[in-house]
Amino acid sequence: MVGPFKYLATTLTNQNSFQEEIKRKLKSGNAHHHSVQNLLSSNLIPKNTKIKICRTIILPVVLYGCENLVTQIEGEIKLGVFGNTVLRRIFVPKRDEVTWK
């Protein structure tokens, strides 16, 4: 019997349960997002530059080693929600008065 071990920054176990690993990756992604939050919320930086910052700093931290995870719908959904949340923070959508009445 082999105990849990790390491979490509992912902890692999006998149970193939990756919920804790996905939570750890999302927590790390949030920490990196908060470290560049002042850049992403600046009005002086164009949105396409903010997207490049997101793709080079935040997403690789979250997605590194995910090819080793067994594809589970729940994990894919959580990673997709995280990506959409970061993009939503970059674009800061405004509510339209006509639409929301």
C-alpha atoms as a PDB file:
ATOM      1  CA  MET A   1       0.000   0.000   0.000  1.00  0.00           C
ATOM      2  CA  VAL A   2       1.357   3.383  -1.001  1.00  0.00           C
ATOM      3  CA  GLY A   3       0.604   6.444   1.075  1.00  0.00           C
ATOM      4  CA  PRO A   4      -0.293   9.844  -0.312  1.00  0.00           C
ATOM      5  CA  PHE A   5       2.465  11.422  -2.398  1.00  0.00           C
ATOM      6  CA  LYS A   6       2.982  14.607  -4.393  1.00  0.00           C
ATOM      7  CA  TYR A   7       3.299  14.532  -8.176  1.00  0.00           C
ATOM      8  CA  LEU A   8       3.354  17.779 -10.198  1.00  0.00           C
ATOM      9  CA  ALA A   9       2.201  19.758  -7.150  1.00  0.00           C
ATOM     10  CA  THR A  10      -0.818  17.450  -6.743  1.00  0.00           C
ATOM     11  CA  THR A  11      -1.259  15.138  -3.772  1.00  0.00           C
ATOM     12  CA  LEU A  12      -2.341  11.713  -5.003  1.00  0.00           C
ATOM     13  CA  THR A  13      -4.047   9.239  -2.659  1.00  0.00           C
ATOM     14  CA  ASN A  14      -5.442   5.714  -2.869  1.00  0.00           C
ATOM     15  CA  GLN A  15      -9.044   6.946  -2.679  1.00  0.00           C
ATOM     16  CA  ASN A  16      -8.780   9.184  -5.795  1.00  0.00           C
ATOM     17  CA  SER A  17     -10.605  11.904  -3.870  1.00  0.00           C
ATOM     18  CA  PHE A  18      -9.533  15.248  -5.241  1.00  0.00           C
ATOM     19  CA  GLN A  19     -11.943  17.594  -3.440  1.00  0.00           C
ATOM     20  CA  GLU A  20      -9.276  18.711  -0.960  1.00  0.00           C
ATOM     21  CA  GLU A  21      -6.750  19.142  -3.768  1.00  0.00           C
ATOM     22  CA  ILE A  22      -9.150  21.307  -5.765  1.00  0.00           C
ATOM     23  CA  LYS A  23      -9.891  23.396  -2.657  1.00  0.00           C
ATOM     24  CA  ARG A  24      -6.150  23.866  -2.109  1.00  0.00           C
ATOM     25  CA  LYS A  25      -5.616  24.948  -5.723  1.00  0.00           C
ATOM     26  CA  LEU A  26      -8.523  27.413  -5.561  1.00  0.00           C
ATOM     27  CA  LYS A  27      -7.220  28.844  -2.283  1.00  0.00           C
ATOM     28  CA  SER A  28      -3.802  29.324  -3.878  1.00  0.00           C
ATOM     29  CA  GLY A  29      -5.413  30.951  -6.919  1.00  0.00           C
ATOM     30  CA  ASN A  30      -7.356  33.342  -4.690  1.00  0.00           C
ATOM     31  CA  ALA A  31      -4.142  34.259  -2.853  1.00  0.00           C
ATOM     32  CA  HIS A  32      -2.416  35.064  -6.149  1.00  0.00           C
ATOM     33  CA  HIS A  33      -5.461  37.021  -7.317  1.00  0.00           C
ATOM     34  CA  HIS A  34      -5.436  39.134  -4.175  1.00  0.00           C
ATOM     35  CA  SER A  35      -1.712  39.786  -4.612  1.00  0.00           C
ATOM     36  CA  VAL A  36      -2.368  41.465  -7.990  1.00  0.00           C
ATOM     37  CA  GLN A  37      -5.762  42.927  -7.080  1.00  0.00           C
ATOM     38  CA  ASN A  38      -4.477  46.512  -7.226  1.00  0.00           C
ATOM     39  CA  LEU A  39      -3.382  45.959 -10.849  1.00  0.00           C
ATOM     40  CA  LEU A  40      -6.658  44.343 -11.845  1.00  0.00           C
ATOM     41  CA  SER A  41      -8.788  47.074 -10.292  1.00  0.00           C
ATOM     42  CA  SER A  42      -6.790  49.961 -11.775  1.00  0.00           C
ATOM     43  CA  ASN A  43      -8.500  52.119 -14.381  1.00  0.00           C
ATOM     44  CA  LEU A  44      -5.136  52.975 -15.934  1.00  0.00           C
ATOM     45  CA  ILE A  45      -4.510  49.447 -17.230  1.00  0.00           C
ATOM     46  CA  PRO A  46      -6.452  48.284 -20.325  1.00  0.00           C
ATOM     47  CA  LYS A  47      -8.690  45.238 -19.971  1.00  0.00           C
ATOM     48  CA  ASN A  48      -6.720  43.139 -22.461  1.00  0.00           C
ATOM     49  CA  THR A  49      -3.590  43.669 -20.321  1.00  0.00           C
ATOM     50  CA  LYS A  50      -5.554  42.631 -17.238  1.00  0.00           C
ATOM     51  CA  ILE A  51      -6.598  39.435 -19.019  1.00  0.00           C
ATOM     52  CA  LYS A  52      -2.950  38.727 -19.895  1.00  0.00           C
ATOM     53  CA  ILE A  53      -2.032  39.227 -16.224  1.00  0.00           C
ATOM     54  CA  CYS A  54      -4.762  36.770 -15.257  1.00  0.00           C
ATOM     55  CA  ARG A  55      -3.600  34.197 -17.827  1.00  0.00           C
ATOM     56  CA  THR A  56       0.064  34.419 -16.827  1.00  0.00           C
ATOM     57  CA  ILE A  57      -0.139  34.796 -13.032  1.00  0.00           C
ATOM     58  CA  ILE A  58      -3.399  33.392 -11.680  1.00  0.00           C
ATOM     59  CA  LEU A  59      -4.617  30.594 -13.969  1.00  0.00           C
ATOM     60  CA  PRO A  60      -1.324  28.643 -14.189  1.00  0.00           C
ATOM     61  CA  VAL A  61      -1.240  28.408 -10.385  1.00  0.00           C
ATOM     62  CA  VAL A  62      -4.718  26.892 -10.340  1.00  0.00           C
ATOM     63  CA  LEU A  63      -4.373  24.648 -13.378  1.00  0.00           C
ATOM     64  CA  TYR A  64      -0.837  23.300 -12.818  1.00  0.00           C
ATOM     65  CA  GLY A  65      -1.052  19.576 -12.238  1.00  0.00           C
ATOM     66  CA  CYS A  66      -4.764  19.320 -13.032  1.00  0.00           C
ATOM     67  CA  GLU A  67      -4.032  16.908 -15.882  1.00  0.00           C
ATOM     68  CA  ASN A  68      -3.327  14.327 -13.182  1.00  0.00           C
ATOM     69  CA  LEU A  69      -6.726  14.728 -11.589  1.00  0.00           C
ATOM     70  CA  VAL A  70      -9.445  12.326 -12.568  1.00  0.00           C
ATOM     71  CA  THR A  71     -11.966  14.313 -14.535  1.00  0.00           C
ATOM     72  CA  GLN A  72     -14.926  14.831 -12.299  1.00  0.00           C
ATOM     73  CA  ILE A  73     -17.740  17.123 -13.282  1.00  0.00           C
ATOM     74  CA  GLU A  74     -17.811  18.767  -9.846  1.00  0.00           C
ATOM     75  CA  GLY A  75     -14.109  19.668 -10.018  1.00  0.00           C
ATOM     76  CA  GLU A  76     -14.400  21.034 -13.545  1.00  0.00           C
ATOM     77  CA  ILE A  77     -17.359  23.168 -12.517  1.00  0.00           C
ATOM     78  CA  LYS A  78     -15.473  24.613  -9.520  1.00  0.00           C
ATOM     79  CA  LEU A  79     -12.459  25.477 -11.695  1.00  0.00           C
ATOM     80  CA  GLY A  80     -14.744  27.082 -14.285  1.00  0.00           C
ATOM     81  CA  VAL A  81     -16.543  29.112 -11.623  1.00  0.00           C
ATOM     82  CA  PHE A  82     -13.186  30.361 -10.324  1.00  0.00           C
ATOM     83  CA  GLY A  83     -12.125  31.443 -13.827  1.00  0.00           C
ATOM     84  CA  ASN A  84     -15.421  33.251 -14.391  1.00  0.00           C
ATOM     85  CA  THR A  85     -15.157  34.958 -10.991  1.00  0.00           C
ATOM     86  CA  VAL A  86     -11.707  36.329 -11.824  1.00  0.00           C
ATOM     87  CA  LEU A  87     -12.917  37.594 -15.209  1.00  0.00           C
ATOM     88  CA  ARG A  88     -15.988  39.151 -13.589  1.00  0.00           C
ATOM     89  CA  ARG A  89     -13.726  41.029 -11.169  1.00  0.00           C
ATOM     90  CA  ILE A  90     -11.685  42.323 -14.121  1.00  0.00           C
ATOM     91  CA  PHE A  91     -14.641  43.486 -16.212  1.00  0.00           C
ATOM     92  CA  VAL A  92     -16.832  44.690 -13.301  1.00  0.00           C
ATOM     93  CA  PRO A  93     -20.187  44.387 -15.076  1.00  0.00           C
ATOM     94  CA  LYS A  94     -22.645  47.192 -14.389  1.00  0.00           C
ATOM     95  CA  ARG A  95     -26.338  46.593 -13.932  1.00  0.00           C
ATOM     96  CA  ASP A  96     -28.466  48.130 -16.599  1.00  0.00           C
ATOM     97  CA  GLU A  97     -31.352  50.117 -15.140  1.00  0.00           C
ATOM     98  CA  VAL A  98     -33.724  49.030 -17.913  1.00  0.00           C
ATOM     99  CA  THR A  99     -32.891  45.314 -17.622  1.00  0.00           C
ATOM    100  CA  TRP A 100     -33.086  45.003 -13.819  1.00  0.00           C
ATOM    101  CA  LYS A 101     -36.444  46.707 -13.257  1.00  0.00           C
END
